[in-house]
Amino acid sequence: MERICTQCRAMLDKETVADWCPACGGALIKQATLPVLDQPGRPPAEVDHRGIVLPRRHALGGIITPQ
C-alpha cells in the first residue's frame, strides 16, 4: 500500500514515518500499489530529504510526468 497526500498527491516512501504530508500538511490516504512499479530489474525510486518519492526518470533521461 502506498501513502499519498489528498491535497498535493505526493507519494511518501514506505520508510517515512509521518501522520501528515511533509510537503503541504495535507491528510494521507492509502492506495493500492501499481504492479508496474514493483517489477524486478527496475531501478529503485529516488526519495528526497522529506521522504517523498520523486517522479521516475525515463530511459532516455527525462522525468515521466502525467499529462
N, C-alpha and C. Protein backbone atom coordinates (compact mmCIF):
# COMPACT_ATOMS: atom_id res chain seq x y z
N MET A 1 0.84 -1.18 0.00
CA MET A 1 0.00 0.00 0.00
C MET A 1 0.89 1.24 0.00
N GLU A 2 0.53 2.20 -0.83
CA GLU A 2 1.24 3.47 -0.89
C GLU A 2 0.49 4.50 -0.07
N ARG A 3 1.21 5.42 0.50
CA ARG A 3 0.57 6.54 1.20
C ARG A 3 0.71 7.77 0.33
N ILE A 4 -0.44 8.40 0.03
CA ILE A 4 -0.49 9.54 -0.88
C ILE A 4 -1.24 10.68 -0.19
N CYS A 5 -0.78 11.92 -0.42
CA CYS A 5 -1.43 13.10 0.13
C CYS A 5 -2.72 13.39 -0.63
N THR A 6 -3.76 13.78 0.10
CA THR A 6 -5.04 14.07 -0.55
C THR A 6 -5.04 15.43 -1.23
N GLN A 7 -4.13 16.32 -0.86
CA GLN A 7 -4.11 17.66 -1.45
C GLN A 7 -3.13 17.79 -2.61
N CYS A 8 -1.87 17.44 -2.38
CA CYS A 8 -0.85 17.66 -3.42
C CYS A 8 -0.47 16.38 -4.17
N ARG A 9 -1.02 15.24 -3.78
CA ARG A 9 -0.78 13.94 -4.43
C ARG A 9 0.66 13.47 -4.34
N ALA A 10 1.41 13.94 -3.35
CA ALA A 10 2.78 13.47 -3.14
C ALA A 10 2.73 12.05 -2.59
N MET A 11 3.61 11.18 -3.09
CA MET A 11 3.66 9.79 -2.63
C MET A 11 4.82 9.66 -1.64
N LEU A 12 4.53 9.16 -0.44
CA LEU A 12 5.56 9.01 0.58
C LEU A 12 6.23 7.65 0.48
N ASP A 13 7.50 7.62 0.85
CA ASP A 13 8.26 6.38 0.88
C ASP A 13 7.72 5.47 1.97
N LYS A 14 7.90 4.17 1.83
CA LYS A 14 7.40 3.22 2.82
C LYS A 14 8.06 3.39 4.17
N GLU A 15 9.30 3.89 4.20
CA GLU A 15 10.04 4.03 5.44
C GLU A 15 9.81 5.37 6.14
N THR A 16 9.08 6.29 5.51
CA THR A 16 8.84 7.60 6.09
C THR A 16 7.76 7.50 7.17
N VAL A 17 8.07 8.01 8.34
CA VAL A 17 7.12 8.00 9.45
C VAL A 17 6.49 9.40 9.53
N ALA A 18 5.22 9.51 9.13
CA ALA A 18 4.54 10.79 9.16
C ALA A 18 3.03 10.56 9.23
N ASP A 19 2.35 11.45 9.95
CA ASP A 19 0.89 11.41 10.02
C ASP A 19 0.27 12.35 8.99
N TRP A 20 1.02 13.38 8.61
CA TRP A 20 0.55 14.39 7.67
C TRP A 20 1.59 14.54 6.57
N CYS A 21 1.21 15.09 5.44
CA CYS A 21 2.12 15.28 4.32
C CYS A 21 3.23 16.25 4.71
N PRO A 22 4.50 15.86 4.50
CA PRO A 22 5.60 16.76 4.83
C PRO A 22 5.72 17.94 3.87
N ALA A 23 5.09 17.88 2.70
CA ALA A 23 5.19 18.96 1.73
C ALA A 23 4.15 20.05 1.97
N CYS A 24 2.88 19.65 2.23
CA CYS A 24 1.82 20.66 2.33
C CYS A 24 1.00 20.58 3.61
N GLY A 25 1.17 19.50 4.39
CA GLY A 25 0.40 19.35 5.62
C GLY A 25 -0.96 18.71 5.42
N GLY A 26 -1.21 18.16 4.24
CA GLY A 26 -2.48 17.50 3.95
C GLY A 26 -2.58 16.12 4.58
N ALA A 27 -3.78 15.58 4.58
CA ALA A 27 -4.02 14.24 5.13
C ALA A 27 -3.49 13.18 4.17
N LEU A 28 -3.05 12.06 4.73
CA LEU A 28 -2.54 10.96 3.94
C LEU A 28 -3.57 9.85 3.83
N ILE A 29 -3.66 9.25 2.65
CA ILE A 29 -4.54 8.10 2.44
C ILE A 29 -3.70 6.95 1.92
N LYS A 30 -4.22 5.74 2.03
CA LYS A 30 -3.54 4.56 1.50
C LYS A 30 -4.17 4.18 0.17
N GLN A 31 -3.31 3.80 -0.78
CA GLN A 31 -3.76 3.44 -2.11
C GLN A 31 -3.02 2.17 -2.52
N ALA A 32 -3.65 1.32 -3.30
CA ALA A 32 -3.01 0.08 -3.76
C ALA A 32 -1.79 0.41 -4.61
N THR A 33 -0.75 -0.41 -4.49
CA THR A 33 0.48 -0.21 -5.24
C THR A 33 0.27 -0.65 -6.69
N LEU A 34 0.84 0.11 -7.62
CA LEU A 34 0.76 -0.26 -9.02
C LEU A 34 1.72 -1.41 -9.29
N PRO A 35 1.25 -2.51 -9.90
CA PRO A 35 2.14 -3.65 -10.15
C PRO A 35 3.27 -3.32 -11.13
N VAL A 36 3.09 -2.34 -11.99
CA VAL A 36 4.12 -1.96 -12.95
C VAL A 36 5.35 -1.41 -12.25
N LEU A 37 5.17 -0.73 -11.12
CA LEU A 37 6.29 -0.11 -10.42
C LEU A 37 7.08 -1.10 -9.59
N ASP A 38 6.54 -2.28 -9.32
CA ASP A 38 7.21 -3.26 -8.47
C ASP A 38 7.88 -4.38 -9.24
N GLN A 39 8.11 -4.21 -10.54
CA GLN A 39 8.73 -5.25 -11.33
C GLN A 39 10.22 -5.37 -10.99
N PRO A 40 10.75 -6.60 -10.98
CA PRO A 40 12.18 -6.75 -10.72
C PRO A 40 13.00 -6.17 -11.87
N GLY A 41 14.16 -5.65 -11.54
CA GLY A 41 15.03 -5.08 -12.56
C GLY A 41 14.86 -3.59 -12.75
N ARG A 42 13.82 -3.01 -12.17
CA ARG A 42 13.63 -1.56 -12.27
C ARG A 42 14.54 -0.88 -11.27
N PRO A 43 15.07 0.27 -11.62
CA PRO A 43 15.91 0.98 -10.64
C PRO A 43 15.06 1.45 -9.47
N PRO A 44 15.65 1.53 -8.27
CA PRO A 44 14.87 1.97 -7.11
C PRO A 44 14.44 3.43 -7.26
N ALA A 45 13.32 3.75 -6.67
CA ALA A 45 12.80 5.12 -6.74
C ALA A 45 13.68 6.04 -5.91
N GLU A 46 13.83 7.28 -6.39
CA GLU A 46 14.60 8.28 -5.66
C GLU A 46 13.69 8.93 -4.63
N VAL A 47 14.22 9.18 -3.42
CA VAL A 47 13.46 9.77 -2.34
C VAL A 47 14.19 11.04 -1.90
N ASP A 48 13.45 12.15 -1.74
CA ASP A 48 14.09 13.40 -1.31
C ASP A 48 14.24 13.43 0.21
N HIS A 49 14.75 14.54 0.74
CA HIS A 49 15.04 14.64 2.17
C HIS A 49 13.80 14.64 3.05
N ARG A 50 12.62 14.90 2.49
CA ARG A 50 11.37 14.88 3.25
C ARG A 50 10.73 13.51 3.28
N GLY A 51 11.23 12.57 2.49
CA GLY A 51 10.66 11.23 2.43
C GLY A 51 9.63 11.08 1.33
N ILE A 52 9.61 12.01 0.39
CA ILE A 52 8.66 11.96 -0.73
C ILE A 52 9.34 11.31 -1.92
N VAL A 53 8.64 10.38 -2.56
CA VAL A 53 9.17 9.68 -3.74
C VAL A 53 9.14 10.65 -4.91
N LEU A 54 10.29 10.82 -5.57
CA LEU A 54 10.40 11.71 -6.72
C LEU A 54 9.88 11.01 -7.97
N PRO A 55 9.46 11.79 -8.98
CA PRO A 55 8.99 11.17 -10.23
C PRO A 55 10.08 10.31 -10.85
N ARG A 56 9.68 9.20 -11.45
CA ARG A 56 10.64 8.29 -12.07
C ARG A 56 11.17 8.90 -13.36
N ARG A 57 12.37 8.49 -13.70
CA ARG A 57 13.01 9.00 -14.91
C ARG A 57 12.78 8.05 -16.08
N HIS A 58 12.67 8.63 -17.25
CA HIS A 58 12.51 7.87 -18.48
C HIS A 58 13.84 7.24 -18.85
N ALA A 59 13.83 6.20 -19.66
CA ALA A 59 15.06 5.52 -20.05
C ALA A 59 16.01 6.46 -20.80
N LEU A 60 15.47 7.49 -21.44
CA LEU A 60 16.31 8.43 -22.18
C LEU A 60 16.78 9.59 -21.30
N GLY A 61 16.35 9.64 -20.04
CA GLY A 61 16.87 10.64 -19.13
C GLY A 61 15.88 11.67 -18.64
N GLY A 62 14.73 11.81 -19.28
CA GLY A 62 13.76 12.81 -18.86
C GLY A 62 12.90 12.31 -17.71
N ILE A 63 12.18 13.21 -17.07
CA ILE A 63 11.28 12.84 -15.99
C ILE A 63 9.91 12.51 -16.56
N ILE A 64 9.32 11.40 -16.12
CA ILE A 64 7.99 11.00 -16.57
C ILE A 64 6.97 11.79 -15.78
N THR A 65 6.16 12.59 -16.44
CA THR A 65 5.14 13.39 -15.77
C THR A 65 3.77 13.07 -16.37
N PRO A 66 2.72 13.10 -15.57
CA PRO A 66 1.38 12.83 -16.11
C PRO A 66 0.94 13.97 -17.03
N GLN A 67 0.17 13.62 -18.01
CA GLN A 67 -0.33 14.63 -18.97
C GLN A 67 -1.66 15.18 -18.56
